[in-house]
Amino acid sequence: MTREVRFRPEAEADVLETRDWYDGRQSGLGAAFRRALDETVERITNNPLQFQQVRGETRRAILRRFPYAVYFRVAGDDILVLAVHGRQHPRRWQSRQ
């Protein structure tokens, strides 16, 4: 089954902001963050139900190497990414539906 992954605009803004922040710290680190994110999204696509539910139907997949997580919901055959946030600030994404 091929799942479509859709990022809410706020989640895409999270990704761009975080990538730029890492690039500002060290050249190439933003690209490494993006690769880690892409790997995590692939894991989500392959088996979304393996990830822990953290609030209602929202699940969390933790990135490798970076202290960030992808918060998402399964919507039929699709994956809706609500946020990509540092794990230490859960309230920032919880209002996103």
PDB file of N, CA and C in Angstrom:
ATOM      1  N   MET A   1       0.842  -1.171   0.000  1.00  0.00           N
ATOM      2  CA  MET A   1       0.000   0.000   0.000  1.00  0.00           C
ATOM      3  C   MET A   1       0.895   1.245   0.000  1.00  0.00           C
ATOM      4  N   THR A   2       0.599   2.166  -0.875  1.00  0.00           N
ATOM      5  CA  THR A   2       1.339   3.417  -0.927  1.00  0.00           C
ATOM      6  C   THR A   2       0.563   4.481  -0.165  1.00  0.00           C
ATOM      7  N   ARG A   3       1.194   5.039   0.822  1.00  0.00           N
ATOM      8  CA  ARG A   3       0.556   6.080   1.623  1.00  0.00           C
ATOM      9  C   ARG A   3       1.072   7.438   1.186  1.00  0.00           C
ATOM     10  N   GLU A   4       0.179   8.404   1.163  1.00  0.00           N
ATOM     11  CA  GLU A   4       0.588   9.775   0.888  1.00  0.00           C
ATOM     12  C   GLU A   4       0.833  10.462   2.221  1.00  0.00           C
ATOM     13  N   VAL A   5       1.957  11.150   2.317  1.00  0.00           N
ATOM     14  CA  VAL A   5       2.288  11.908   3.524  1.00  0.00           C
ATOM     15  C   VAL A   5       2.056  13.376   3.208  1.00  0.00           C
ATOM     16  N   ARG A   6       1.196  13.990   3.999  1.00  0.00           N
ATOM     17  CA  ARG A   6       0.906  15.415   3.827  1.00  0.00           C
ATOM     18  C   ARG A   6       1.347  16.164   5.079  1.00  0.00           C
ATOM     19  N   PHE A   7       2.069  17.242   4.888  1.00  0.00           N
ATOM     20  CA  PHE A   7       2.499  18.097   5.987  1.00  0.00           C
ATOM     21  C   PHE A   7       1.547  19.287   6.068  1.00  0.00           C
ATOM     22  N   ARG A   8       0.999  19.523   7.247  1.00  0.00           N
ATOM     23  CA  ARG A   8       0.241  20.756   7.438  1.00  0.00           C
ATOM     24  C   ARG A   8       1.206  21.918   7.241  1.00  0.00           C
ATOM     25  N   PRO A   9       0.714  23.076   6.837  1.00  0.00           N
ATOM     26  CA  PRO A   9       1.611  24.232   6.638  1.00  0.00           C
ATOM     27  C   PRO A   9       2.448  24.555   7.873  1.00  0.00           C
ATOM     28  N   GLU A  10       1.863  24.409   9.043  1.00  0.00           N
ATOM     29  CA  GLU A  10       2.609  24.680  10.281  1.00  0.00           C
ATOM     30  C   GLU A  10       3.750  23.687  10.461  1.00  0.00           C
ATOM     31  N   ALA A  11       3.518  22.444  10.085  1.00  0.00           N
ATOM     32  CA  ALA A  11       4.564  21.420  10.201  1.00  0.00           C
ATOM     33  C   ALA A  11       5.693  21.697   9.213  1.00  0.00           C
ATOM     34  N   GLU A  12       5.337  22.103   8.008  1.00  0.00           N
ATOM     35  CA  GLU A  12       6.371  22.450   7.024  1.00  0.00           C
ATOM     36  C   GLU A  12       7.180  23.641   7.513  1.00  0.00           C
ATOM     37  N   ALA A  13       6.519  24.611   8.134  1.00  0.00           N
ATOM     38  CA  ALA A  13       7.234  25.761   8.708  1.00  0.00           C
ATOM     39  C   ALA A  13       8.165  25.306   9.835  1.00  0.00           C
ATOM     40  N   ASP A  14       7.724  24.341  10.640  1.00  0.00           N
ATOM     41  CA  ASP A  14       8.585  23.776  11.688  1.00  0.00           C
ATOM     42  C   ASP A  14       9.868  23.222  11.078  1.00  0.00           C
ATOM     43  N   VAL A  15       9.717  22.460   9.987  1.00  0.00           N
ATOM     44  CA  VAL A  15      10.861  21.822   9.332  1.00  0.00           C
ATOM     45  C   VAL A  15      11.839  22.875   8.818  1.00  0.00           C
ATOM     46  N   LEU A  16      11.323  23.875   8.113  1.00  0.00           N
ATOM     47  CA  LEU A  16      12.188  24.905   7.536  1.00  0.00           C
ATOM     48  C   LEU A  16      12.899  25.711   8.621  1.00  0.00           C
ATOM     49  N   GLU A  17      12.183  26.044   9.673  1.00  0.00           N
ATOM     50  CA  GLU A  17      12.779  26.805  10.783  1.00  0.00           C
ATOM     51  C   GLU A  17      13.893  26.002  11.460  1.00  0.00           C
ATOM     52  N   THR A  18      13.634  24.742  11.698  1.00  0.00           N
ATOM     53  CA  THR A  18      14.619  23.894  12.370  1.00  0.00           C
ATOM     54  C   THR A  18      15.835  23.653  11.489  1.00  0.00           C
ATOM     55  N   ARG A  19      15.587  23.371  10.204  1.00  0.00           N
ATOM     56  CA  ARG A  19      16.702  23.170   9.269  1.00  0.00           C
ATOM     57  C   ARG A  19      17.593  24.417   9.210  1.00  0.00           C
ATOM     58  N   ASP A  20      16.976  25.592   9.127  1.00  0.00           N
ATOM     59  CA  ASP A  20      17.743  26.838   9.071  1.00  0.00           C
ATOM     60  C   ASP A  20      18.516  27.065  10.371  1.00  0.00           C
ATOM     61  N   TRP A  21      17.900  26.713  11.498  1.00  0.00           N
ATOM     62  CA  TRP A  21      18.573  26.891  12.784  1.00  0.00           C
ATOM     63  C   TRP A  21      19.826  26.008  12.835  1.00  0.00           C
ATOM     64  N   TYR A  22      19.699  24.754  12.424  1.00  0.00           N
ATOM     65  CA  TYR A  22      20.862  23.856  12.424  1.00  0.00           C
ATOM     66  C   TYR A  22      21.923  24.316  11.431  1.00  0.00           C
ATOM     67  N   ASP A  23      21.520  24.801  10.266  1.00  0.00           N
ATOM     68  CA  ASP A  23      22.494  25.323   9.300  1.00  0.00           C
ATOM     69  C   ASP A  23      23.244  26.518   9.863  1.00  0.00           C
ATOM     70  N   GLY A  24      22.567  27.307  10.678  1.00  0.00           N
ATOM     71  CA  GLY A  24      23.222  28.451  11.314  1.00  0.00           C
ATOM     72  C   GLY A  24      24.246  28.043  12.354  1.00  0.00           C
ATOM     73  N   ARG A  25      24.120  26.846  12.872  1.00  0.00           N
ATOM     74  CA  ARG A  25      25.060  26.353  13.885  1.00  0.00           C
ATOM     75  C   ARG A  25      26.288  25.721  13.245  1.00  0.00           C
ATOM     76  N   GLN A  26      26.061  24.999  12.142  1.00  0.00           N
ATOM     77  CA  GLN A  26      27.169  24.300  11.474  1.00  0.00           C
ATOM     78  C   GLN A  26      26.749  24.006  10.041  1.00  0.00           C
ATOM     79  N   SER A  27      27.607  24.317   9.108  1.00  0.00           N
ATOM     80  CA  SER A  27      27.318  24.065   7.706  1.00  0.00           C
ATOM     81  C   SER A  27      27.045  22.579   7.474  1.00  0.00           C
ATOM     82  N   GLY A  28      25.939  22.296   6.794  1.00  0.00           N
ATOM     83  CA  GLY A  28      25.581  20.917   6.488  1.00  0.00           C
ATOM     84  C   GLY A  28      24.725  20.237   7.536  1.00  0.00           C
ATOM     85  N   LEU A  29      24.628  20.820   8.721  1.00  0.00           N
ATOM     86  CA  LEU A  29      23.844  20.181   9.777  1.00  0.00           C
ATOM     87  C   LEU A  29      22.347  20.235   9.469  1.00  0.00           C
ATOM     88  N   GLY A  30      21.909  21.298   8.792  1.00  0.00           N
ATOM     89  CA  GLY A  30      20.502  21.383   8.388  1.00  0.00           C
ATOM     90  C   GLY A  30      20.138  20.280   7.414  1.00  0.00           C
ATOM     91  N   ALA A  31      21.044  19.976   6.483  1.00  0.00           N
ATOM     92  CA  ALA A  31      20.811  18.882   5.538  1.00  0.00           C
ATOM     93  C   ALA A  31      20.771  17.542   6.270  1.00  0.00           C
ATOM     94  N   ALA A  32      21.606  17.374   7.272  1.00  0.00           N
ATOM     95  CA  ALA A  32      21.598  16.137   8.069  1.00  0.00           C
ATOM     96  C   ALA A  32      20.273  16.001   8.814  1.00  0.00           C
ATOM     97  N   PHE A  33      19.760  17.122   9.332  1.00  0.00           N
ATOM     98  CA  PHE A  33      18.453  17.100   9.997  1.00  0.00           C
ATOM     99  C   PHE A  33      17.379  16.660   9.004  1.00  0.00           C
ATOM    100  N   ARG A  34      17.418  17.213   7.803  1.00  0.00           N
ATOM    101  CA  ARG A  34      16.415  16.874   6.793  1.00  0.00           C
ATOM    102  C   ARG A  34      16.491  15.392   6.412  1.00  0.00           C
ATOM    103  N   ARG A  35      17.699  14.850   6.311  1.00  0.00           N
ATOM    104  CA  ARG A  35      17.844  13.416   6.010  1.00  0.00           C
ATOM    105  C   ARG A  35      17.253  12.564   7.139  1.00  0.00           C
ATOM    106  N   ALA A  36      17.525  12.959   8.380  1.00  0.00           N
ATOM    107  CA  ALA A  36      16.965  12.221   9.521  1.00  0.00           C
ATOM    108  C   ALA A  36      15.439  12.297   9.513  1.00  0.00           C
ATOM    109  N   LEU A  37      14.914  13.455   9.143  1.00  0.00           N
ATOM    110  CA  LEU A  37      13.465  13.609   9.039  1.00  0.00           C
ATOM    111  C   LEU A  37      12.908  12.718   7.930  1.00  0.00           C
ATOM    112  N   ASP A  38      13.550  12.723   6.780  1.00  0.00           N
ATOM    113  CA  ASP A  38      13.094  11.887   5.660  1.00  0.00           C
ATOM    114  C   ASP A  38      13.107  10.408   6.032  1.00  0.00           C
ATOM    115  N   GLU A  39      14.146   9.961   6.754  1.00  0.00           N
ATOM    116  CA  GLU A  39      14.213   8.573   7.199  1.00  0.00           C
ATOM    117  C   GLU A  39      13.066   8.250   8.156  1.00  0.00           C
ATOM    118  N   THR A  40      12.750   9.184   9.036  1.00  0.00           N
ATOM    119  CA  THR A  40      11.666   8.975   9.993  1.00  0.00           C
ATOM    120  C   THR A  40      10.323   8.915   9.274  1.00  0.00           C
ATOM    121  N   VAL A  41      10.123   9.797   8.300  1.00  0.00           N
ATOM    122  CA  VAL A  41       8.881   9.774   7.533  1.00  0.00           C
ATOM    123  C   VAL A  41       8.747   8.460   6.770  1.00  0.00           C
ATOM    124  N   GLU A  42       9.843   7.938   6.273  1.00  0.00           N
ATOM    125  CA  GLU A  42       9.795   6.642   5.597  1.00  0.00           C
ATOM    126  C   GLU A  42       9.386   5.526   6.562  1.00  0.00           C
ATOM    127  N   ARG A  43       9.936   5.571   7.785  1.00  0.00           N
ATOM    128  CA  ARG A  43       9.538   4.570   8.792  1.00  0.00           C
ATOM    129  C   ARG A  43       8.056   4.698   9.114  1.00  0.00           C
ATOM    130  N   ILE A  44       7.565   5.927   9.213  1.00  0.00           N
ATOM    131  CA  ILE A  44       6.145   6.159   9.480  1.00  0.00           C
ATOM    132  C   ILE A  44       5.306   5.583   8.347  1.00  0.00           C
ATOM    133  N   THR A  45       5.703   5.860   7.118  1.00  0.00           N
ATOM    134  CA  THR A  45       4.959   5.397   5.945  1.00  0.00           C
ATOM    135  C   THR A  45       4.883   3.882   5.903  1.00  0.00           C
ATOM    136  N   ASN A  46       5.975   3.227   6.252  1.00  0.00           N
ATOM    137  CA  ASN A  46       6.023   1.762   6.201  1.00  0.00           C
ATOM    138  C   ASN A  46       5.150   1.097   7.248  1.00  0.00           C
ATOM    139  N   ASN A  47       5.034   1.700   8.427  1.00  0.00           N
ATOM    140  CA  ASN A  47       4.259   1.079   9.497  1.00  0.00           C
ATOM    141  C   ASN A  47       3.844   2.129  10.527  1.00  0.00           C
ATOM    142  N   PRO A  48       2.854   2.951  10.215  1.00  0.00           N
ATOM    143  CA  PRO A  48       2.493   4.054  11.113  1.00  0.00           C
ATOM    144  C   PRO A  48       1.975   3.612  12.481  1.00  0.00           C
ATOM    145  N   LEU A  49       1.369   2.455  12.551  1.00  0.00           N
ATOM    146  CA  LEU A  49       0.773   2.022  13.817  1.00  0.00           C
ATOM    147  C   LEU A  49       1.799   1.508  14.818  1.00  0.00           C
ATOM    148  N   GLN A  50       3.059   1.399  14.413  1.00  0.00           N
ATOM    149  CA  GLN A  50       4.090   0.970  15.359  1.00  0.00           C
ATOM    150  C   GLN A  50       4.464   2.081  16.343  1.00  0.00           C
ATOM    151  N   PHE A  51       4.067   3.310  16.046  1.00  0.00           N
ATOM    152  CA  PHE A  51       4.479   4.436  16.874  1.00  0.00           C
ATOM    153  C   PHE A  51       3.456   4.727  17.960  1.00  0.00           C
ATOM    154  N   GLN A  52       3.969   5.168  19.081  1.00  0.00           N
ATOM    155  CA  GLN A  52       3.164   5.407  20.276  1.00  0.00           C
ATOM    156  C   GLN A  52       2.137   6.510  20.053  1.00  0.00           C
ATOM    157  N   GLN A  53       0.908   6.251  20.537  1.00  0.00           N
ATOM    158  CA  GLN A  53      -0.094   7.308  20.577  1.00  0.00           C
ATOM    159  C   GLN A  53       0.232   8.185  21.774  1.00  0.00           C
ATOM    160  N   VAL A  54       0.235   9.507  21.548  1.00  0.00           N
ATOM    161  CA  VAL A  54       0.599  10.417  22.624  1.00  0.00           C
ATOM    162  C   VAL A  54      -0.547  11.316  23.060  1.00  0.00           C
ATOM    163  N   ARG A  55      -1.523  11.494  22.171  1.00  0.00           N
ATOM    164  CA  ARG A  55      -2.694  12.305  22.526  1.00  0.00           C
ATOM    165  C   ARG A  55      -3.804  11.985  21.535  1.00  0.00           C
ATOM    166  N   GLY A  56      -4.849  11.346  22.022  1.00  0.00           N
ATOM    167  CA  GLY A  56      -5.923  10.939  21.124  1.00  0.00           C
ATOM    168  C   GLY A  56      -5.378  10.026  20.044  1.00  0.00           C
ATOM    169  N   GLU A  57      -5.632  10.368  18.793  1.00  0.00           N
ATOM    170  CA  GLU A  57      -5.158   9.586  17.658  1.00  0.00           C
ATOM    171  C   GLU A  57      -3.791  10.044  17.158  1.00  0.00           C
ATOM    172  N   THR A  58      -3.211  11.034  17.807  1.00  0.00           N
ATOM    173  CA  THR A  58      -1.911  11.558  17.388  1.00  0.00           C
ATOM    174  C   THR A  58      -0.795  10.641  17.877  1.00  0.00           C
ATOM    175  N   ARG A  59       0.107  10.334  16.971  1.00  0.00           N
ATOM    176  CA  ARG A  59       1.247   9.459  17.261  1.00  0.00           C
ATOM    177  C   ARG A  59       2.548  10.247  17.157  1.00  0.00           C
ATOM    178  N   ARG A  60       3.596   9.694  17.740  1.00  0.00           N
ATOM    179  CA  ARG A  60       4.896  10.363  17.745  1.00  0.00           C
ATOM    180  C   ARG A  60       5.979   9.409  17.264  1.00  0.00           C
ATOM    181  N   ALA A  61       6.782   9.913  16.320  1.00  0.00           N
ATOM    182  CA  ALA A  61       7.962   9.177  15.834  1.00  0.00           C
ATOM    183  C   ALA A  61       9.177  10.041  16.118  1.00  0.00           C
ATOM    184  N   ILE A  62      10.132   9.498  16.826  1.00  0.00           N
ATOM    185  CA  ILE A  62      11.317  10.244  17.240  1.00  0.00           C
ATOM    186  C   ILE A  62      12.412  10.116  16.187  1.00  0.00           C
ATOM    187  N   LEU A  63      13.005  11.267  15.843  1.00  0.00           N
ATOM    188  CA  LEU A  63      14.111  11.274  14.895  1.00  0.00           C
ATOM    189  C   LEU A  63      15.348  10.678  15.539  1.00  0.00           C
ATOM    190  N   ARG A  64      16.168  10.061  14.725  1.00  0.00           N
ATOM    191  CA  ARG A  64      17.465   9.591  15.184  1.00  0.00           C
ATOM    192  C   ARG A  64      18.435  10.760  15.083  1.00  0.00           C
ATOM    193  N   ARG A  65      19.308  10.888  16.031  1.00  0.00           N
ATOM    194  CA  ARG A  65      20.385  11.874  16.077  1.00  0.00           C
ATOM    195  C   ARG A  65      19.944  13.265  16.521  1.00  0.00           C
ATOM    196  N   PHE A  66      18.699  13.641  16.330  1.00  0.00           N
ATOM    197  CA  PHE A  66      18.232  14.974  16.679  1.00  0.00           C
ATOM    198  C   PHE A  66      17.112  14.876  17.717  1.00  0.00           C
ATOM    199  N   PRO A  67      17.050  15.849  18.634  1.00  0.00           N
ATOM    200  CA  PRO A  67      16.031  15.782  19.698  1.00  0.00           C
ATOM    201  C   PRO A  67      14.673  16.305  19.228  1.00  0.00           C
ATOM    202  N   TYR A  68      14.186  15.745  18.139  1.00  0.00           N
ATOM    203  CA  TYR A  68      12.916  16.159  17.548  1.00  0.00           C
ATOM    204  C   TYR A  68      12.043  14.949  17.306  1.00  0.00           C
ATOM    205  N   ALA A  69      10.750  15.221  17.170  1.00  0.00           N
ATOM    206  CA  ALA A  69       9.787  14.161  16.895  1.00  0.00           C
ATOM    207  C   ALA A  69       8.796  14.649  15.852  1.00  0.00           C
ATOM    208  N   VAL A  70       8.261  13.701  15.104  1.00  0.00           N
ATOM    209  CA  VAL A  70       7.210  13.966  14.130  1.00  0.00           C
ATOM    210  C   VAL A  70       5.896  13.544  14.779  1.00  0.00           C
ATOM    211  N   TYR A  71       4.953  14.481  14.858  1.00  0.00           N
ATOM    212  CA  TYR A  71       3.632  14.199  15.405  1.00  0.00           C
ATOM    213  C   TYR A  71       2.683  14.078  14.223  1.00  0.00           C
ATOM    214  N   PHE A  72       1.962  12.952  14.144  1.00  0.00           N
ATOM    215  CA  PHE A  72       1.159  12.674  12.965  1.00  0.00           C
ATOM    216  C   PHE A  72      -0.091  11.890  13.324  1.00  0.00           C
ATOM    217  N   ARG A  73      -0.997  11.871  12.367  1.00  0.00           N
ATOM    218  CA  ARG A  73      -2.210  11.060  12.462  1.00  0.00           C
ATOM    219  C   ARG A  73      -2.361  10.247  11.193  1.00  0.00           C
ATOM    220  N   VAL A  74      -2.919   9.070  11.355  1.00  0.00           N
ATOM    221  CA  VAL A  74      -3.273   8.245  10.206  1.00  0.00           C
ATOM    222  C   VAL A  74      -4.684   8.665   9.803  1.00  0.00           C
ATOM    223  N   ALA A  75      -4.834   9.040   8.539  1.00  0.00           N
ATOM    224  CA  ALA A  75      -6.142   9.472   8.025  1.00  0.00           C
ATOM    225  C   ALA A  75      -6.475   8.584   6.821  1.00  0.00           C
ATOM    226  N   GLY A  76      -7.151   7.478   7.087  1.00  0.00           N
ATOM    227  CA  GLY A  76      -7.427   6.519   6.020  1.00  0.00           C
ATOM    228  C   GLY A  76      -6.122   5.900   5.557  1.00  0.00           C
ATOM    229  N   ASP A  77      -5.810   6.063   4.280  1.00  0.00           N
ATOM    230  CA  ASP A  77      -4.557   5.545   3.732  1.00  0.00           C
ATOM    231  C   ASP A  77      -3.447   6.588   3.768  1.00  0.00           C
ATOM    232  N   ASP A  78      -3.735   7.758   4.274  1.00  0.00           N
ATOM    233  CA  ASP A  78      -2.764   8.852   4.280  1.00  0.00           C
ATOM    234  C   ASP A  78      -2.216   9.117   5.677  1.00  0.00           C
ATOM    235  N   ILE A  79      -1.097   9.830   5.696  1.00  0.00           N
ATOM    236  CA  ILE A  79      -0.471  10.264   6.935  1.00  0.00           C
ATOM    237  C   ILE A  79      -0.516  11.784   6.939  1.00  0.00           C
ATOM    238  N   LEU A  80      -1.026  12.370   7.997  1.00  0.00           N
ATOM    239  CA  LEU A  80      -1.073  13.824   8.145  1.00  0.00           C
ATOM    240  C   LEU A  80      -0.089  14.224   9.237  1.00  0.00           C
ATOM    241  N   VAL A  81       0.967  14.936   8.844  1.00  0.00           N
ATOM    242  CA  VAL A  81       1.963  15.401   9.799  1.00  0.00           C
ATOM    243  C   VAL A  81       1.477  16.725  10.379  1.00  0.00           C
ATOM    244  N   LEU A  82       1.290  16.736  11.695  1.00  0.00           N
ATOM    245  CA  LEU A  82       0.796  17.921  12.384  1.00  0.00           C
ATOM    246  C   LEU A  82       1.921  18.859  12.790  1.00  0.00           C
ATOM    247  N   ALA A  83       3.055  18.279  13.191  1.00  0.00           N
ATOM    248  CA  ALA A  83       4.150  19.094  13.706  1.00  0.00           C
ATOM    249  C   ALA A  83       5.451  18.311  13.692  1.00  0.00           C
ATOM    250  N   VAL A  84       6.536  19.056  13.649  1.00  0.00           N
ATOM    251  CA  VAL A  84       7.878  18.506  13.842  1.00  0.00           C
ATOM    252  C   VAL A  84       8.505  19.399  14.893  1.00  0.00           C
ATOM    253  N   HIS A  85       8.566  18.886  16.113  1.00  0.00           N
ATOM    254  CA  HIS A  85       8.982  19.717  17.241  1.00  0.00           C
ATOM    255  C   HIS A  85       9.996  19.018  18.113  1.00  0.00           C
ATOM    256  N   GLY A  86      10.710  19.850  18.857  1.00  0.00           N
ATOM    257  CA  GLY A  86      11.572  19.329  19.903  1.00  0.00           C
ATOM    258  C   GLY A  86      10.704  18.608  20.910  1.00  0.00           C
ATOM    259  N   ARG A  87      11.175  17.484  21.364  1.00  0.00           N
ATOM    260  CA  ARG A  87      10.373  16.660  22.273  1.00  0.00           C
ATOM    261  C   ARG A  87      10.115  17.340  23.599  1.00  0.00           C
ATOM    262  N   GLN A  88      10.902  18.353  23.929  1.00  0.00           N
ATOM    263  CA  GLN A  88      10.762  18.997  25.225  1.00  0.00           C
ATOM    264  C   GLN A  88       9.620  20.007  25.278  1.00  0.00           C
ATOM    265  N   HIS A  89       8.969  20.324  24.148  1.00  0.00           N
ATOM    266  CA  HIS A  89       7.911  21.337  24.132  1.00  0.00           C
ATOM    267  C   HIS A  89       6.611  20.801  23.529  1.00  0.00           C
ATOM    268  N   PRO A  90       5.968  19.821  24.164  1.00  0.00           N
ATOM    269  CA  PRO A  90       4.783  19.215  23.556  1.00  0.00           C
ATOM    270  C   PRO A  90       3.590  20.160  23.426  1.00  0.00           C
ATOM    271  N   ARG A  91       3.459  21.141  24.290  1.00  0.00           N
ATOM    272  CA  ARG A  91       2.289  22.026  24.220  1.00  0.00           C
ATOM    273  C   ARG A  91       2.277  22.860  22.946  1.00  0.00           C
ATOM    274  N   ARG A  92       3.405  23.044  22.315  1.00  0.00           N
ATOM    275  CA  ARG A  92       3.454  23.852  21.097  1.00  0.00           C
ATOM    276  C   ARG A  92       2.699  23.219  19.947  1.00  0.00           C
ATOM    277  N   TRP A  93       2.595  21.900  19.905  1.00  0.00           N
ATOM    278  CA  TRP A  93       1.904  21.247  18.788  1.00  0.00           C
ATOM    279  C   TRP A  93       0.509  20.748  19.148  1.00  0.00           C
ATOM    280  N   GLN A  94       0.190  20.660  20.431  1.00  0.00           N
ATOM    281  CA  GLN A  94      -1.034  19.986  20.852  1.00  0.00           C
ATOM    282  C   GLN A  94      -2.327  20.657  20.395  1.00  0.00           C
ATOM    283  N   SER A  95      -2.297  21.939  20.068  1.00  0.00           N
ATOM    284  CA  SER A  95      -3.503  22.593  19.600  1.00  0.00           C
ATOM    285  C   SER A  95      -3.752  22.376  18.113  1.00  0.00           C
ATOM    286  N   ARG A  96      -2.823  21.762  17.421  1.00  0.00           N
ATOM    287  CA  ARG A  96      -2.967  21.527  15.978  1.00  0.00           C
ATOM    288  C   ARG A  96      -3.821  20.290  15.735  1.00  0.00           C
ATOM    289  N   GLN A  97      -4.778  20.414  14.911  1.00  0.00           N
ATOM    290  CA  GLN A  97      -5.673  19.301  14.576  1.00  0.00           C
ATOM    291  C   GLN A  97      -5.425  18.919  13.172  1.00  0.00           C
TER     292      GLN A  97
END
